[in-house]
Amino acid sequence: MAVSALSILLAGCGSSDSSEDTAAAASEGWSFPDGSGTVVKADKVPTRIIAHAGEAAALMSFGIKPVGIYADEAVKTDPNLKSLDLTGIEILGEEWGKIDVEKAAALRPDLIVGDWWPAEKAHSGLEEGVDEKSKKLADLAPVVGVTQGKSIVALAEGYEDLAESLGAKVDDPKIAETKKRFETSVATFKEAVAAKPGLTVGAMSPADDKVYFANPEYAPELLDFQNFGMKVINPDSPDKAFPYWENLSWENADKYQPDLIMWDGRAYTPTSNAEWGKKQPTWFKIKAAKAGAVVAWPAYWLHTYGDFATELDKLTEAVKAADENIGS
């Protein structure tokens, strides 16, 4: 069921004190720099927003509630959405590449929000390979998003800017409290990593046919971890056509020997370390896998300060428990 976007906007963004400012901004039109390098414009501030899952979570963390959301997996398992109140929000898709555009059109959106992916030169849900009907979502309203680039911190800041442009009161005390928690989590993570200067980490995603070894250059959370002092391994030979990964055969699963494995934590890689060892015995040729030095990696989904803080705290505990000599 569609939500009255103006009432949602004002309810989410604080008291009526801001109504005059919002009205003034609307009379001057609205614009925002998209990750693609273009500036997206509208005659007035958009209020009926459809957003991809993570981007919706980011906007909602600042009080902006979309009328519709499309996700890459079931809402109940999507790490961005599973703890959010989605009452009154139309769910337009729960599988990558499949969006119910007819249902989306009925919501009368005036803005579509999806990350810009520079390697694919497309917004989330509109990349090559998705259902062609789904791409017609872009015909309903302007599409805008922050770049999935070099940092989750920068991504969160970008959506803070977008939310503010849409009328959010980003200086709300609850938001400041969440940011403070994030800063504390970063400091604690840095301390744990600094205490084990020899610790190496590999981000991996096992599949039936291959082991995918992540390339931090295209994973902003991994770049943040590196910037925080963690030695995340950069693979030698990322796939030229899809440089997010180096693709390893199971025979060569042990090409890299990190002290700690960060395992792709998304729902479609749910099997455990032990189960993969049963399916693919060469998995245990990786010493960290054999030792059980494995922790979930928040792969490509983080968008908010709060979620990043929660995941950093989990990684901090894994670092504290890890042996920095396993891979040597």
Protein backbone atom coordinates (compact mmCIF):
# COMPACT_ATOMS: atom_id res chain seq x y z
CA MET A 1 0.00 0.00 0.00
CA ALA A 2 1.38 3.41 -0.92
CA VAL A 3 2.25 5.76 1.91
CA SER A 4 1.48 9.46 2.01
CA ALA A 5 5.03 10.55 1.36
CA LEU A 6 4.66 14.16 2.55
CA SER A 7 3.33 13.12 5.95
CA ILE A 8 6.04 10.46 6.22
CA LEU A 9 8.70 13.01 5.34
CA LEU A 10 7.58 15.50 7.97
CA ALA A 11 7.00 12.84 10.63
CA GLY A 12 10.42 11.32 10.00
CA CYS A 13 12.29 14.58 9.86
CA GLY A 14 11.19 16.24 13.07
CA SER A 15 8.87 19.07 14.05
CA SER A 16 6.95 21.45 11.80
CA ASP A 17 9.64 24.10 12.34
CA SER A 18 11.29 22.89 9.16
CA SER A 19 8.14 23.14 7.03
CA GLU A 20 8.89 26.69 5.86
CA ASP A 21 12.43 25.70 4.88
CA THR A 22 11.10 22.67 3.00
CA ALA A 23 8.54 24.79 1.19
CA ALA A 24 11.21 27.33 0.24
CA ALA A 25 13.49 24.57 -1.04
CA ALA A 26 10.62 23.11 -3.05
CA SER A 27 9.94 26.44 -4.72
CA GLU A 28 13.57 26.61 -5.81
CA GLY A 29 13.62 23.08 -7.16
CA TRP A 30 15.85 20.20 -6.08
CA SER A 31 19.11 18.75 -7.32
CA PHE A 32 21.69 16.22 -6.18
CA PRO A 33 25.00 15.02 -7.70
CA ASP A 34 24.64 11.41 -8.80
CA GLY A 35 27.49 8.93 -8.55
CA SER A 36 27.58 8.74 -12.34
CA GLY A 37 28.82 12.33 -12.48
CA THR A 38 25.56 13.89 -13.60
CA VAL A 39 23.38 16.18 -11.49
CA VAL A 40 19.83 14.91 -11.03
CA LYS A 41 17.22 17.66 -10.89
CA ALA A 42 13.52 17.98 -10.07
CA ASP A 43 11.08 20.86 -9.97
CA LYS A 44 10.44 20.23 -6.28
CA VAL A 45 11.85 18.15 -3.43
CA PRO A 46 10.97 14.48 -4.12
CA THR A 47 8.69 12.88 -1.56
CA ARG A 48 7.57 9.61 -3.16
CA ILE A 49 10.76 7.61 -3.18
CA ILE A 50 11.48 4.05 -4.28
CA ALA A 51 14.82 2.73 -3.07
CA HIS A 52 17.02 -0.33 -3.27
CA ALA A 53 17.32 -2.16 0.07
CA GLY A 54 20.56 -0.76 1.46
CA GLU A 55 19.84 2.70 0.18
CA ALA A 56 16.38 2.53 1.78
CA ALA A 57 17.98 1.58 5.09
CA ALA A 58 20.33 4.55 4.79
CA LEU A 59 17.50 7.00 4.12
CA MET A 60 15.38 5.52 6.91
CA SER A 61 18.26 5.95 9.36
CA PHE A 62 17.83 9.68 8.80
CA GLY A 63 14.04 9.63 8.97
CA ILE A 64 13.19 9.44 5.26
CA LYS A 65 10.75 6.57 4.64
CA PRO A 66 10.36 5.37 1.04
CA VAL A 67 7.03 4.31 -0.44
CA GLY A 68 8.61 1.26 -2.07
CA ILE A 69 11.68 -0.96 -1.72
CA TYR A 70 13.26 -3.52 -4.01
CA ALA A 71 15.76 -6.01 -2.58
CA ASP A 72 18.20 -8.63 -3.84
CA GLU A 73 16.96 -11.30 -1.44
CA ALA A 74 14.07 -11.97 0.93
CA VAL A 75 13.30 -9.00 3.15
CA LYS A 76 13.39 -11.30 6.18
CA THR A 77 17.04 -12.17 5.50
CA ASP A 78 18.33 -8.97 3.89
CA PRO A 79 20.81 -7.61 6.46
CA ASN A 80 19.77 -4.06 5.65
CA LEU A 81 16.06 -4.62 6.21
CA LYS A 82 15.42 -7.52 8.56
CA SER A 83 15.35 -5.36 11.70
CA LEU A 84 13.46 -2.39 10.24
CA ASP A 85 9.77 -1.56 10.49
CA LEU A 86 8.57 -1.75 6.89
CA THR A 87 4.90 -1.19 7.67
CA GLY A 88 3.24 0.71 4.83
CA ILE A 89 6.13 0.22 2.42
CA GLU A 90 5.44 -1.68 -0.79
CA ILE A 91 7.95 -4.48 -1.43
CA LEU A 92 8.70 -4.50 -5.15
CA GLY A 93 11.16 -7.37 -5.39
CA GLU A 94 13.03 -9.88 -3.26
CA GLU A 95 15.40 -11.30 -5.86
CA TRP A 96 18.31 -9.68 -7.68
CA GLY A 97 17.29 -8.48 -11.11
CA LYS A 98 13.54 -8.82 -10.63
CA ILE A 99 11.48 -5.70 -9.86
CA ASP A 100 7.70 -5.44 -10.19
CA VAL A 101 7.62 -2.30 -12.30
CA GLU A 102 3.83 -2.26 -12.65
CA LYS A 103 3.46 -2.20 -8.89
CA ALA A 104 6.19 0.45 -8.73
CA ALA A 105 4.36 2.62 -11.27
CA ALA A 106 1.23 2.52 -9.13
CA LEU A 107 3.19 4.20 -6.34
CA ARG A 108 3.71 7.28 -8.55
CA PRO A 109 7.37 7.74 -7.56
CA ASP A 110 9.19 11.00 -8.12
CA LEU A 111 12.64 9.58 -7.32
CA ILE A 112 14.41 6.21 -7.56
CA VAL A 113 17.41 5.73 -5.24
CA GLY A 114 20.08 3.13 -5.99
CA ASP A 115 23.86 3.01 -5.56
CA TRP A 116 25.99 3.84 -8.58
CA TRP A 117 28.40 0.98 -9.38
CA PRO A 118 31.34 2.38 -11.37
CA ALA A 119 32.65 -0.99 -12.58
CA GLU A 120 29.27 -1.77 -14.14
CA LYS A 121 28.27 1.83 -14.91
CA ALA A 122 24.78 1.25 -13.58
CA HIS A 123 22.60 1.80 -10.54
CA SER A 124 21.59 -1.01 -8.19
CA GLY A 125 18.93 -3.19 -9.76
CA LEU A 126 19.57 -1.81 -13.24
CA GLU A 127 22.85 -3.54 -14.03
CA GLU A 128 23.59 -5.76 -16.99
CA GLY A 129 21.98 -9.15 -16.56
CA VAL A 130 18.85 -8.07 -14.72
CA ASP A 131 15.41 -8.81 -16.13
CA GLU A 132 14.77 -6.39 -19.01
CA LYS A 133 11.33 -5.51 -17.65
CA SER A 134 12.97 -4.51 -14.37
CA LYS A 135 15.10 -1.91 -16.13
CA LYS A 136 11.92 -0.01 -16.98
CA LEU A 137 11.95 1.16 -13.37
CA ALA A 138 14.24 3.93 -14.57
CA ASP A 139 11.46 5.20 -16.85
CA LEU A 140 9.22 6.05 -13.88
CA ALA A 141 11.33 8.77 -12.24
CA PRO A 142 14.87 10.18 -12.07
CA VAL A 143 17.43 7.76 -10.62
CA VAL A 144 20.06 8.95 -8.15
CA GLY A 145 22.58 7.29 -5.87
CA VAL A 146 25.89 7.60 -4.11
CA THR A 147 28.91 5.84 -5.60
CA GLN A 148 29.88 2.42 -4.31
CA GLY A 149 33.47 3.55 -4.26
CA LYS A 150 36.36 3.69 -1.86
CA SER A 151 34.68 3.79 1.54
CA ILE A 152 31.54 2.82 3.44
CA VAL A 153 32.15 5.89 5.57
CA ALA A 154 31.95 8.02 2.42
CA LEU A 155 28.85 6.08 1.32
CA ALA A 156 27.10 6.75 4.64
CA GLU A 157 28.08 10.41 4.45
CA GLY A 158 26.74 10.58 0.89
CA TYR A 159 23.34 9.27 1.93
CA GLU A 160 23.34 11.65 4.86
CA ASP A 161 23.75 14.46 2.32
CA LEU A 162 20.97 13.01 0.15
CA ALA A 163 18.64 12.67 3.15
CA GLU A 164 19.35 16.24 4.17
CA SER A 165 18.53 17.44 0.65
CA LEU A 166 15.20 15.61 0.99
CA GLY A 167 14.38 17.42 4.23
CA ALA A 168 15.90 15.25 6.96
CA LYS A 169 17.14 16.82 10.19
CA VAL A 170 20.53 15.13 10.17
CA ASP A 171 21.60 16.89 13.38
CA ASP A 172 19.02 14.95 15.40
CA PRO A 173 20.53 13.77 18.76
CA LYS A 174 19.74 10.12 17.99
CA ILE A 175 21.73 10.34 14.78
CA ALA A 176 24.62 11.96 16.63
CA GLU A 177 24.51 9.13 19.17
CA THR A 178 24.74 6.52 16.41
CA LYS A 179 27.70 8.32 14.86
CA LYS A 180 29.43 8.40 18.23
CA ARG A 181 28.93 4.65 18.61
CA PHE A 182 30.45 4.16 15.17
CA GLU A 183 33.50 6.27 16.07
CA THR A 184 33.98 4.21 19.23
CA SER A 185 33.76 0.97 17.25
CA VAL A 186 36.37 2.22 14.76
CA ALA A 187 38.75 3.14 17.58
CA THR A 188 38.35 -0.26 19.24
CA PHE A 189 38.84 -2.05 15.91
CA LYS A 190 42.03 -0.09 15.23
CA GLU A 191 43.40 -1.01 18.66
CA ALA A 192 42.72 -4.72 18.10
CA VAL A 193 44.37 -4.69 14.67
CA ALA A 194 47.38 -2.72 15.90
CA ALA A 195 47.92 -5.31 18.64
CA LYS A 196 48.46 -7.98 15.95
CA PRO A 197 50.60 -6.30 13.28
CA GLY A 198 51.34 -9.59 11.49
CA LEU A 199 47.71 -10.64 11.05
CA THR A 200 46.66 -11.12 7.42
CA VAL A 201 43.04 -11.39 6.31
CA GLY A 202 41.42 -12.74 3.14
CA ALA A 203 37.85 -11.99 2.09
CA MET A 204 36.38 -14.99 0.32
CA SER A 205 33.13 -16.32 -1.10
CA PRO A 206 33.03 -20.09 -1.68
CA ALA A 207 30.73 -21.46 -4.38
CA ASP A 208 30.11 -24.90 -5.83
CA ASP A 209 32.41 -24.34 -8.80
CA LYS A 210 35.01 -21.86 -7.49
CA VAL A 211 36.39 -19.93 -4.58
CA TYR A 212 36.01 -16.20 -5.15
CA PHE A 213 38.77 -14.15 -3.52
CA ALA A 214 37.69 -10.54 -3.08
CA ASN A 215 39.54 -7.60 -4.58
CA PRO A 216 39.49 -4.75 -2.01
CA GLU A 217 39.77 -2.18 -4.78
CA TYR A 218 36.09 -2.78 -5.53
CA ALA A 219 34.88 -3.46 -1.98
CA PRO A 220 34.56 -0.23 0.00
CA GLU A 221 34.24 -1.94 3.38
CA LEU A 222 37.52 -3.82 2.73
CA LEU A 223 39.22 -0.56 1.79
CA ASP A 224 37.97 0.92 5.07
CA PHE A 225 39.39 -2.06 6.96
CA GLN A 226 42.72 -1.48 5.23
CA ASN A 227 42.58 2.21 6.11
CA PHE A 228 41.90 1.22 9.72
CA GLY A 229 45.12 -0.83 9.68
CA MET A 230 43.94 -4.35 8.82
CA LYS A 231 46.13 -6.25 6.34
CA VAL A 232 43.46 -7.42 3.89
CA ILE A 233 45.14 -9.32 1.07
CA ASN A 234 44.94 -7.89 -2.45
CA PRO A 235 44.71 -10.75 -4.97
CA ASP A 236 47.26 -10.96 -7.78
CA SER A 237 44.93 -11.60 -10.71
CA PRO A 238 41.39 -10.20 -10.44
CA ASP A 239 39.06 -11.24 -13.24
CA LYS A 240 39.42 -8.66 -16.04
CA ALA A 241 35.74 -8.78 -16.97
CA PHE A 242 34.48 -8.62 -13.40
CA PRO A 243 37.29 -7.26 -11.22
CA TYR A 244 35.51 -7.67 -7.90
CA TRP A 245 37.13 -11.10 -7.52
CA GLU A 246 40.01 -13.37 -8.39
CA ASN A 247 38.40 -16.66 -9.38
CA LEU A 248 40.20 -19.68 -7.94
CA SER A 249 39.54 -23.29 -8.84
CA TRP A 250 39.01 -25.55 -5.87
CA GLU A 251 42.35 -27.20 -6.68
CA ASN A 252 43.98 -23.80 -6.07
CA ALA A 253 41.84 -22.76 -3.12
CA ASP A 254 44.96 -22.42 -0.97
CA LYS A 255 46.75 -19.94 -3.26
CA TYR A 256 46.48 -17.42 -0.43
CA GLN A 257 47.02 -18.30 3.20
CA PRO A 258 45.49 -15.60 5.41
CA ASP A 259 45.49 -15.88 9.18
CA LEU A 260 41.79 -15.01 9.25
CA ILE A 261 39.12 -15.64 6.62
CA MET A 262 36.29 -13.18 6.20
CA TRP A 263 33.48 -15.28 4.75
CA ASP A 264 30.87 -13.63 2.50
CA GLY A 265 28.01 -13.21 4.95
CA ARG A 266 25.17 -12.69 2.49
CA ALA A 267 22.21 -15.05 2.62
CA TYR A 268 23.05 -16.98 -0.52
CA THR A 269 26.32 -18.24 1.03
CA PRO A 270 24.80 -19.73 4.19
CA THR A 271 26.75 -22.95 4.57
CA SER A 272 29.23 -23.20 7.40
CA ASN A 273 32.98 -23.63 7.40
CA ALA A 274 32.62 -27.28 8.42
CA GLU A 275 30.04 -27.98 5.71
CA TRP A 276 32.27 -26.53 3.02
CA GLY A 277 35.07 -28.75 4.24
CA LYS A 278 32.82 -31.74 3.65
CA LYS A 279 31.73 -30.52 0.21
CA GLN A 280 35.19 -29.46 -0.93
CA PRO A 281 38.07 -31.06 1.00
CA THR A 282 40.57 -28.63 -0.55
CA TRP A 283 38.87 -25.88 1.49
CA PHE A 284 40.81 -27.16 4.47
CA LYS A 285 44.07 -26.71 2.58
CA ILE A 286 43.59 -23.12 3.69
CA LYS A 287 45.10 -23.24 7.17
CA ALA A 288 42.72 -20.64 8.60
CA ALA A 289 39.72 -22.68 7.42
CA LYS A 290 41.13 -25.80 9.04
CA ALA A 291 41.68 -23.87 12.28
CA GLY A 292 38.16 -22.43 12.17
CA ALA A 293 39.51 -18.88 11.96
CA VAL A 294 36.49 -17.64 10.03
CA VAL A 295 34.20 -14.65 10.56
CA ALA A 296 31.33 -13.20 8.56
CA TRP A 297 32.26 -10.47 6.10
CA PRO A 298 29.60 -7.77 5.57
CA ALA A 299 30.05 -7.94 1.81
CA TYR A 300 28.77 -5.05 -0.28
CA TRP A 301 25.70 -4.27 1.82
CA LEU A 302 26.70 -1.76 4.51
CA HIS A 303 25.15 1.70 4.16
CA THR A 304 24.66 3.09 7.66
CA TYR A 305 26.82 4.17 10.58
CA GLY A 306 24.85 1.89 12.90
CA ASP A 307 25.24 -1.28 10.82
CA PHE A 308 28.91 -0.56 10.25
CA ALA A 309 29.46 -0.17 14.00
CA THR A 310 27.74 -3.50 14.69
CA GLU A 311 29.80 -5.36 12.08
CA LEU A 312 33.06 -3.74 13.22
CA ASP A 313 32.40 -4.93 16.76
CA LYS A 314 32.02 -8.52 15.50
CA LEU A 315 35.23 -8.26 13.48
CA THR A 316 37.08 -6.80 16.45
CA GLU A 317 36.28 -9.89 18.51
CA ALA A 318 37.44 -12.14 15.66
CA VAL A 319 40.72 -10.23 15.39
CA LYS A 320 41.30 -10.54 19.13
CA ALA A 321 40.74 -14.31 18.92
CA ALA A 322 42.87 -14.85 15.80
CA ASP A 323 46.39 -16.27 15.64
CA GLU A 324 48.57 -14.07 13.43
CA ASN A 325 50.84 -17.02 12.64
CA ILE A 326 48.28 -19.46 11.19
CA GLY A 327 48.97 -18.63 7.55
CA SER A 328 52.74 -18.62 7.80
